[in-house]
Amino acid sequence: MLVTELLLAVSSGVVVITDVRNRKISNKICILILLCCLLISLENESIKLQFIQAVLVVVFGLALFSLGVVGAGDVKLLSCYSLIISPKYWLLTLMLIGFIGGICAITILVKNLLFSRQENFGVPYGIPIVISSLFFIHLTIVS
């Protein structure tokens, strides 16, 4: 189990790095995270797969993607993590993602204002998704 959790942490770190650098989340990394989440759910009997949460993330995420609000990689990533986040932590997860995403957006805005950059690559939402999801996955496992 420790190996799976370590692999999940490392692959999540890769997501953060690639999202900050390229604003893209690789499908291969999402598949690796999905496999890690499935293995963790199999190894820990107290975790039930939250298929309904994952389906809702995909449905609403695709709607938001079609409107240009979020990236497809963000939707895939959150749907993978949502498989093992307890429903009692789900709303808190979404709220923390929004809060950390707001901090990221303000940080990017201030950086662009201070250094007079006109670049607009968007907010790397992989950062708040990873931080929030891993935190609440941990709480799900220990509770």
N, C-alpha and C. Protein backbone atom coordinates (compact mmCIF):
# COMPACT_ATOMS: atom_id res chain seq x y z
N MET A 1 0.82 -1.19 0.00
CA MET A 1 0.00 0.00 0.00
C MET A 1 0.87 1.25 0.00
N LEU A 2 1.96 1.22 0.73
CA LEU A 2 2.84 2.37 0.79
C LEU A 2 3.40 2.69 -0.59
N VAL A 3 3.71 1.67 -1.38
CA VAL A 3 4.24 1.89 -2.72
C VAL A 3 3.20 2.59 -3.59
N THR A 4 1.96 2.14 -3.50
CA THR A 4 0.88 2.76 -4.28
C THR A 4 0.67 4.21 -3.88
N GLU A 5 0.67 4.48 -2.59
CA GLU A 5 0.48 5.85 -2.13
C GLU A 5 1.67 6.73 -2.53
N LEU A 6 2.86 6.17 -2.49
CA LEU A 6 4.05 6.91 -2.92
C LEU A 6 3.97 7.20 -4.42
N LEU A 7 3.55 6.21 -5.20
CA LEU A 7 3.39 6.41 -6.64
C LEU A 7 2.33 7.46 -6.93
N LEU A 8 1.26 7.46 -6.15
CA LEU A 8 0.21 8.48 -6.30
C LEU A 8 0.77 9.87 -5.99
N ALA A 9 1.57 9.97 -4.94
CA ALA A 9 2.16 11.27 -4.57
C ALA A 9 3.14 11.75 -5.64
N VAL A 10 3.97 10.86 -6.14
CA VAL A 10 4.95 11.25 -7.16
C VAL A 10 4.26 11.66 -8.46
N SER A 11 3.28 10.86 -8.88
CA SER A 11 2.57 11.20 -10.12
C SER A 11 1.78 12.50 -9.96
N SER A 12 1.28 12.75 -8.76
CA SER A 12 0.59 14.02 -8.50
C SER A 12 1.56 15.19 -8.56
N GLY A 13 2.78 14.97 -8.08
CA GLY A 13 3.81 16.00 -8.19
C GLY A 13 4.16 16.29 -9.64
N VAL A 14 4.18 15.25 -10.47
CA VAL A 14 4.43 15.45 -11.90
C VAL A 14 3.30 16.26 -12.52
N VAL A 15 2.08 16.01 -12.09
CA VAL A 15 0.94 16.79 -12.59
C VAL A 15 1.14 18.27 -12.29
N VAL A 16 1.52 18.58 -11.06
CA VAL A 16 1.71 19.98 -10.67
C VAL A 16 2.79 20.63 -11.52
N ILE A 17 3.91 19.95 -11.67
CA ILE A 17 5.04 20.51 -12.44
C ILE A 17 4.65 20.75 -13.89
N THR A 18 4.04 19.74 -14.52
CA THR A 18 3.69 19.90 -15.94
C THR A 18 2.56 20.92 -16.14
N ASP A 19 1.65 21.01 -15.17
CA ASP A 19 0.57 21.98 -15.30
C ASP A 19 1.10 23.41 -15.15
N VAL A 20 2.06 23.61 -14.26
CA VAL A 20 2.65 24.94 -14.10
C VAL A 20 3.46 25.31 -15.34
N ARG A 21 4.23 24.37 -15.85
CA ARG A 21 5.09 24.67 -17.00
C ARG A 21 4.32 24.78 -18.31
N ASN A 22 3.44 23.83 -18.58
CA ASN A 22 2.81 23.73 -19.90
C ASN A 22 1.31 23.99 -19.91
N ARG A 23 0.70 24.07 -18.73
CA ARG A 23 -0.76 24.18 -18.59
C ARG A 23 -1.47 23.00 -19.25
N LYS A 24 -0.84 21.83 -19.17
CA LYS A 24 -1.43 20.60 -19.70
C LYS A 24 -1.20 19.48 -18.72
N ILE A 25 -2.20 18.59 -18.62
CA ILE A 25 -2.09 17.41 -17.78
C ILE A 25 -2.16 16.20 -18.70
N SER A 26 -1.12 15.41 -18.66
CA SER A 26 -0.98 14.27 -19.56
C SER A 26 -2.03 13.19 -19.30
N ASN A 27 -2.52 12.59 -20.38
CA ASN A 27 -3.44 11.47 -20.24
C ASN A 27 -2.76 10.28 -19.56
N LYS A 28 -1.49 10.08 -19.84
CA LYS A 28 -0.76 8.96 -19.24
C LYS A 28 -0.67 9.11 -17.72
N ILE A 29 -0.42 10.32 -17.27
CA ILE A 29 -0.36 10.57 -15.83
C ILE A 29 -1.74 10.38 -15.21
N CYS A 30 -2.78 10.82 -15.90
CA CYS A 30 -4.14 10.61 -15.38
C CYS A 30 -4.47 9.13 -15.27
N ILE A 31 -4.03 8.34 -16.23
CA ILE A 31 -4.26 6.90 -16.18
C ILE A 31 -3.50 6.29 -15.01
N LEU A 32 -2.26 6.73 -14.79
CA LEU A 32 -1.48 6.24 -13.66
C LEU A 32 -2.15 6.60 -12.34
N ILE A 33 -2.66 7.81 -12.23
CA ILE A 33 -3.36 8.24 -11.01
C ILE A 33 -4.64 7.43 -10.84
N LEU A 34 -5.34 7.17 -11.92
CA LEU A 34 -6.55 6.34 -11.85
C LEU A 34 -6.22 4.95 -11.33
N LEU A 35 -5.17 4.35 -11.85
CA LEU A 35 -4.76 3.01 -11.38
C LEU A 35 -4.37 3.03 -9.91
N CYS A 36 -3.64 4.06 -9.50
CA CYS A 36 -3.27 4.18 -8.09
C CYS A 36 -4.50 4.31 -7.20
N CYS A 37 -5.46 5.12 -7.62
CA CYS A 37 -6.68 5.29 -6.84
C CYS A 37 -7.46 3.99 -6.75
N LEU A 38 -7.53 3.26 -7.84
CA LEU A 38 -8.22 1.97 -7.82
C LEU A 38 -7.50 0.96 -6.93
N LEU A 39 -6.18 0.94 -6.99
CA LEU A 39 -5.41 0.03 -6.12
C LEU A 39 -5.57 0.39 -4.65
N ILE A 40 -5.56 1.66 -4.33
CA ILE A 40 -5.75 2.09 -2.95
C ILE A 40 -7.13 1.67 -2.46
N SER A 41 -8.12 1.81 -3.33
CA SER A 41 -9.48 1.41 -2.91
C SER A 41 -9.58 -0.09 -2.70
N LEU A 42 -8.83 -0.86 -3.45
CA LEU A 42 -8.84 -2.32 -3.27
C LEU A 42 -8.09 -2.74 -2.00
N GLU A 43 -7.02 -2.02 -1.70
CA GLU A 43 -6.20 -2.37 -0.55
C GLU A 43 -6.83 -1.97 0.78
N ASN A 44 -7.65 -0.95 0.75
CA ASN A 44 -8.26 -0.44 1.96
C ASN A 44 -9.76 -0.74 1.92
N GLU A 45 -10.18 -1.69 2.73
CA GLU A 45 -11.58 -2.13 2.68
C GLU A 45 -12.57 -1.05 3.08
N SER A 46 -12.13 -0.06 3.84
CA SER A 46 -13.07 0.97 4.30
C SER A 46 -13.41 1.98 3.21
N ILE A 47 -12.65 1.97 2.12
CA ILE A 47 -12.90 2.92 1.04
C ILE A 47 -13.82 2.25 0.02
N LYS A 48 -14.88 2.94 -0.32
CA LYS A 48 -15.78 2.48 -1.38
C LYS A 48 -15.58 3.39 -2.57
N LEU A 49 -15.57 2.78 -3.74
CA LEU A 49 -15.42 3.60 -4.93
C LEU A 49 -16.63 4.51 -5.09
N GLN A 50 -16.39 5.73 -5.37
CA GLN A 50 -17.44 6.73 -5.49
C GLN A 50 -17.73 7.00 -6.97
N PHE A 51 -18.30 6.00 -7.64
CA PHE A 51 -18.55 6.13 -9.07
C PHE A 51 -19.49 7.28 -9.39
N ILE A 52 -20.49 7.50 -8.56
CA ILE A 52 -21.44 8.58 -8.83
C ILE A 52 -20.74 9.93 -8.79
N GLN A 53 -19.85 10.13 -7.80
CA GLN A 53 -19.08 11.37 -7.74
C GLN A 53 -18.26 11.55 -9.01
N ALA A 54 -17.59 10.48 -9.43
CA ALA A 54 -16.73 10.57 -10.61
C ALA A 54 -17.54 10.87 -11.87
N VAL A 55 -18.70 10.24 -12.00
CA VAL A 55 -19.55 10.51 -13.16
C VAL A 55 -20.05 11.95 -13.15
N LEU A 56 -20.44 12.44 -11.98
CA LEU A 56 -20.89 13.84 -11.88
C LEU A 56 -19.76 14.81 -12.23
N VAL A 57 -18.53 14.49 -11.80
CA VAL A 57 -17.39 15.34 -12.15
C VAL A 57 -17.21 15.37 -13.66
N VAL A 58 -17.31 14.22 -14.30
CA VAL A 58 -17.15 14.17 -15.76
C VAL A 58 -18.27 14.95 -16.46
N VAL A 59 -19.51 14.73 -16.04
CA VAL A 59 -20.64 15.40 -16.70
C VAL A 59 -20.56 16.92 -16.54
N PHE A 60 -20.42 17.38 -15.29
CA PHE A 60 -20.34 18.83 -15.08
C PHE A 60 -19.04 19.40 -15.62
N GLY A 61 -17.96 18.63 -15.51
CA GLY A 61 -16.67 19.09 -16.02
C GLY A 61 -16.68 19.27 -17.53
N LEU A 62 -17.30 18.34 -18.23
CA LEU A 62 -17.37 18.48 -19.69
C LEU A 62 -18.23 19.68 -20.09
N ALA A 63 -19.28 19.92 -19.31
CA ALA A 63 -20.10 21.11 -19.58
C ALA A 63 -19.27 22.38 -19.38
N LEU A 64 -18.51 22.42 -18.28
CA LEU A 64 -17.66 23.59 -18.02
C LEU A 64 -16.53 23.69 -19.04
N PHE A 65 -16.00 22.56 -19.49
CA PHE A 65 -14.96 22.56 -20.52
C PHE A 65 -15.50 23.13 -21.82
N SER A 66 -16.72 22.73 -22.19
CA SER A 66 -17.30 23.23 -23.44
C SER A 66 -17.55 24.73 -23.38
N LEU A 67 -17.72 25.27 -22.17
CA LEU A 67 -17.88 26.72 -22.00
C LEU A 67 -16.54 27.44 -21.87
N GLY A 68 -15.45 26.69 -21.82
CA GLY A 68 -14.12 27.28 -21.71
C GLY A 68 -13.74 27.68 -20.30
N VAL A 69 -14.43 27.12 -19.29
CA VAL A 69 -14.17 27.49 -17.90
C VAL A 69 -13.02 26.69 -17.32
N VAL A 70 -12.96 25.40 -17.61
CA VAL A 70 -11.90 24.53 -17.08
C VAL A 70 -11.29 23.75 -18.23
N GLY A 71 -10.11 23.20 -17.96
CA GLY A 71 -9.45 22.36 -18.94
C GLY A 71 -9.88 20.91 -18.82
N ALA A 72 -9.76 20.18 -19.90
CA ALA A 72 -10.14 18.77 -19.90
C ALA A 72 -9.26 17.96 -18.97
N GLY A 73 -7.99 18.31 -18.87
CA GLY A 73 -7.08 17.60 -17.98
C GLY A 73 -7.49 17.75 -16.52
N ASP A 74 -7.97 18.92 -16.17
CA ASP A 74 -8.44 19.16 -14.80
C ASP A 74 -9.64 18.28 -14.49
N VAL A 75 -10.53 18.14 -15.46
CA VAL A 75 -11.71 17.30 -15.27
C VAL A 75 -11.31 15.84 -15.10
N LYS A 76 -10.41 15.37 -15.96
CA LYS A 76 -9.95 13.98 -15.86
C LYS A 76 -9.27 13.73 -14.52
N LEU A 77 -8.42 14.65 -14.11
CA LEU A 77 -7.69 14.49 -12.86
C LEU A 77 -8.63 14.43 -11.66
N LEU A 78 -9.57 15.37 -11.59
CA LEU A 78 -10.50 15.39 -10.46
C LEU A 78 -11.41 14.16 -10.47
N SER A 79 -11.78 13.68 -11.64
CA SER A 79 -12.63 12.48 -11.68
C SER A 79 -11.88 11.26 -11.17
N CYS A 80 -10.58 11.18 -11.43
CA CYS A 80 -9.78 10.06 -10.91
C CYS A 80 -9.71 10.12 -9.39
N TYR A 81 -9.39 11.29 -8.86
CA TYR A 81 -9.30 11.44 -7.41
C TYR A 81 -10.65 11.22 -6.73
N SER A 82 -11.72 11.65 -7.39
CA SER A 82 -13.04 11.58 -6.76
C SER A 82 -13.50 10.15 -6.52
N LEU A 83 -12.85 9.19 -7.15
CA LEU A 83 -13.21 7.79 -6.93
C LEU A 83 -12.99 7.34 -5.50
N ILE A 84 -12.05 7.97 -4.79
CA ILE A 84 -11.75 7.49 -3.44
C ILE A 84 -11.87 8.57 -2.36
N ILE A 85 -12.44 9.71 -2.71
CA ILE A 85 -12.70 10.72 -1.69
C ILE A 85 -14.08 10.46 -1.10
N SER A 86 -14.14 10.35 0.20
CA SER A 86 -15.41 10.08 0.88
C SER A 86 -16.44 11.17 0.58
N PRO A 87 -17.70 10.79 0.41
CA PRO A 87 -18.74 11.80 0.18
C PRO A 87 -18.82 12.85 1.29
N LYS A 88 -18.46 12.48 2.51
CA LYS A 88 -18.54 13.47 3.58
C LYS A 88 -17.48 14.55 3.44
N TYR A 89 -16.44 14.30 2.65
CA TYR A 89 -15.40 15.30 2.41
C TYR A 89 -15.51 15.95 1.03
N TRP A 90 -16.48 15.53 0.22
CA TRP A 90 -16.54 15.96 -1.16
C TRP A 90 -16.76 17.47 -1.30
N LEU A 91 -17.72 18.02 -0.59
CA LEU A 91 -17.98 19.45 -0.67
C LEU A 91 -16.78 20.26 -0.16
N LEU A 92 -16.16 19.78 0.91
CA LEU A 92 -14.96 20.45 1.43
C LEU A 92 -13.83 20.42 0.41
N THR A 93 -13.72 19.31 -0.31
CA THR A 93 -12.70 19.20 -1.35
C THR A 93 -12.91 20.27 -2.42
N LEU A 94 -14.14 20.39 -2.88
CA LEU A 94 -14.44 21.39 -3.92
C LEU A 94 -14.21 22.81 -3.42
N MET A 95 -14.58 23.06 -2.16
CA MET A 95 -14.37 24.40 -1.59
C MET A 95 -12.88 24.72 -1.48
N LEU A 96 -12.09 23.74 -1.04
CA LEU A 96 -10.65 23.97 -0.91
C LEU A 96 -10.00 24.16 -2.28
N ILE A 97 -10.48 23.42 -3.29
CA ILE A 97 -9.97 23.62 -4.65
C ILE A 97 -10.24 25.06 -5.09
N GLY A 98 -11.44 25.54 -4.84
CA GLY A 98 -11.78 26.92 -5.21
C GLY A 98 -10.94 27.94 -4.46
N PHE A 99 -10.72 27.71 -3.17
CA PHE A 99 -9.94 28.65 -2.35
C PHE A 99 -8.48 28.69 -2.82
N ILE A 100 -7.87 27.52 -2.99
CA ILE A 100 -6.47 27.48 -3.43
C ILE A 100 -6.35 28.00 -4.87
N GLY A 101 -7.36 27.70 -5.70
CA GLY A 101 -7.37 28.22 -7.07
C GLY A 101 -7.43 29.74 -7.08
N GLY A 102 -8.20 30.31 -6.16
CA GLY A 102 -8.25 31.77 -6.04
C GLY A 102 -6.91 32.35 -5.65
N ILE A 103 -6.22 31.70 -4.73
CA ILE A 103 -4.89 32.15 -4.33
C ILE A 103 -3.93 32.07 -5.52
N CYS A 104 -4.01 31.00 -6.29
CA CYS A 104 -3.16 30.87 -7.49
C CYS A 104 -3.46 31.98 -8.49
N ALA A 105 -4.75 32.27 -8.70
CA ALA A 105 -5.13 33.30 -9.65
C ALA A 105 -4.63 34.67 -9.22
N ILE A 106 -4.76 34.98 -7.94
CA ILE A 106 -4.29 36.27 -7.43
C ILE A 106 -2.77 36.36 -7.55
N THR A 107 -2.08 35.27 -7.25
CA THR A 107 -0.62 35.24 -7.37
C THR A 107 -0.19 35.50 -8.81
N ILE A 108 -0.84 34.87 -9.76
CA ILE A 108 -0.50 35.08 -11.17
C ILE A 108 -0.81 36.51 -11.59
N LEU A 109 -1.93 37.05 -11.14
CA LEU A 109 -2.29 38.43 -11.46
C LEU A 109 -1.26 39.42 -10.93
N VAL A 110 -0.87 39.24 -9.67
CA VAL A 110 0.12 40.14 -9.07
C VAL A 110 1.46 40.01 -9.80
N LYS A 111 1.86 38.79 -10.10
CA LYS A 111 3.13 38.57 -10.81
C LYS A 111 3.10 39.25 -12.17
N ASN A 112 1.99 39.12 -12.88
CA ASN A 112 1.88 39.76 -14.20
C ASN A 112 1.87 41.28 -14.09
N LEU A 113 1.25 41.82 -13.05
CA LEU A 113 1.25 43.28 -12.85
C LEU A 113 2.62 43.80 -12.47
N LEU A 114 3.32 43.08 -11.61
CA LEU A 114 4.65 43.52 -11.17
C LEU A 114 5.69 43.46 -12.27
N PHE A 115 5.59 42.45 -13.11
CA PHE A 115 6.60 42.27 -14.15
C PHE A 115 6.10 42.66 -15.53
N SER A 116 4.96 43.36 -15.58
CA SER A 116 4.37 43.88 -16.82
C SER A 116 4.28 42.84 -17.92
N ARG A 117 3.83 41.67 -17.56
CA ARG A 117 3.65 40.61 -18.56
C ARG A 117 2.22 40.63 -19.07
N GLN A 118 2.09 40.44 -20.34
CA GLN A 118 0.76 40.41 -20.95
C GLN A 118 0.32 38.97 -21.25
N GLU A 119 1.12 38.01 -20.86
CA GLU A 119 0.79 36.61 -21.11
C GLU A 119 -0.43 36.21 -20.29
N ASN A 120 -1.28 35.44 -20.90
CA ASN A 120 -2.44 34.93 -20.18
C ASN A 120 -2.59 33.45 -20.52
N PHE A 121 -1.97 32.62 -19.71
CA PHE A 121 -2.05 31.19 -19.94
C PHE A 121 -3.14 30.54 -19.10
N GLY A 122 -3.80 31.29 -18.27
CA GLY A 122 -4.81 30.73 -17.39
C GLY A 122 -4.20 30.28 -16.07
N VAL A 123 -5.05 29.76 -15.22
CA VAL A 123 -4.64 29.31 -13.90
C VAL A 123 -4.37 27.81 -13.95
N PRO A 124 -3.21 27.37 -13.46
CA PRO A 124 -2.93 25.93 -13.43
C PRO A 124 -3.73 25.26 -12.31
N TYR A 125 -4.94 24.84 -12.61
CA TYR A 125 -5.81 24.27 -11.58
C TYR A 125 -5.38 22.89 -11.14
N GLY A 126 -4.34 22.34 -11.76
CA GLY A 126 -3.79 21.07 -11.28
C GLY A 126 -3.25 21.21 -9.86
N ILE A 127 -2.73 22.39 -9.52
CA ILE A 127 -2.18 22.62 -8.18
C ILE A 127 -3.26 22.49 -7.11
N PRO A 128 -4.35 23.25 -7.18
CA PRO A 128 -5.37 23.10 -6.12
C PRO A 128 -6.07 21.75 -6.15
N ILE A 129 -6.23 21.15 -7.33
CA ILE A 129 -6.87 19.84 -7.39
C ILE A 129 -6.01 18.81 -6.69
N VAL A 130 -4.71 18.82 -6.95
CA VAL A 130 -3.81 17.85 -6.33
C VAL A 130 -3.75 18.06 -4.81
N ILE A 131 -3.53 19.28 -4.38
CA ILE A 131 -3.39 19.54 -2.93
C ILE A 131 -4.66 19.15 -2.19
N SER A 132 -5.80 19.61 -2.67
CA SER A 132 -7.07 19.34 -1.99
C SER A 132 -7.40 17.85 -2.02
N SER A 133 -7.26 17.25 -3.17
CA SER A 133 -7.63 15.84 -3.32
C SER A 133 -6.75 14.94 -2.46
N LEU A 134 -5.45 15.15 -2.49
CA LEU A 134 -4.57 14.30 -1.69
C LEU A 134 -4.84 14.46 -0.19
N PHE A 135 -5.15 15.69 0.22
CA PHE A 135 -5.47 15.92 1.63
C PHE A 135 -6.72 15.14 2.03
N PHE A 136 -7.77 15.24 1.23
CA PHE A 136 -9.01 14.56 1.59
C PHE A 136 -8.98 13.06 1.30
N ILE A 137 -8.12 12.61 0.40
CA ILE A 137 -7.91 11.17 0.24
C ILE A 137 -7.27 10.63 1.52
N HIS A 138 -6.29 11.37 2.02
CA HIS A 138 -5.65 10.95 3.27
C HIS A 138 -6.67 10.88 4.41
N LEU A 139 -7.51 11.91 4.52
CA LEU A 139 -8.54 11.89 5.57
C LEU A 139 -9.51 10.72 5.38
N THR A 140 -9.84 10.42 4.14
CA THR A 140 -10.73 9.30 3.86
C THR A 140 -10.10 7.98 4.30
N ILE A 141 -8.81 7.83 4.03
CA ILE A 141 -8.12 6.58 4.39
C ILE A 141 -8.02 6.42 5.90
N VAL A 142 -7.69 7.48 6.62
CA VAL A 142 -7.48 7.36 8.06
C VAL A 142 -8.77 7.34 8.86
N SER A 143 -9.87 7.78 8.26
CA SER A 143 -11.12 7.80 9.04
C SER A 143 -11.93 6.53 8.86
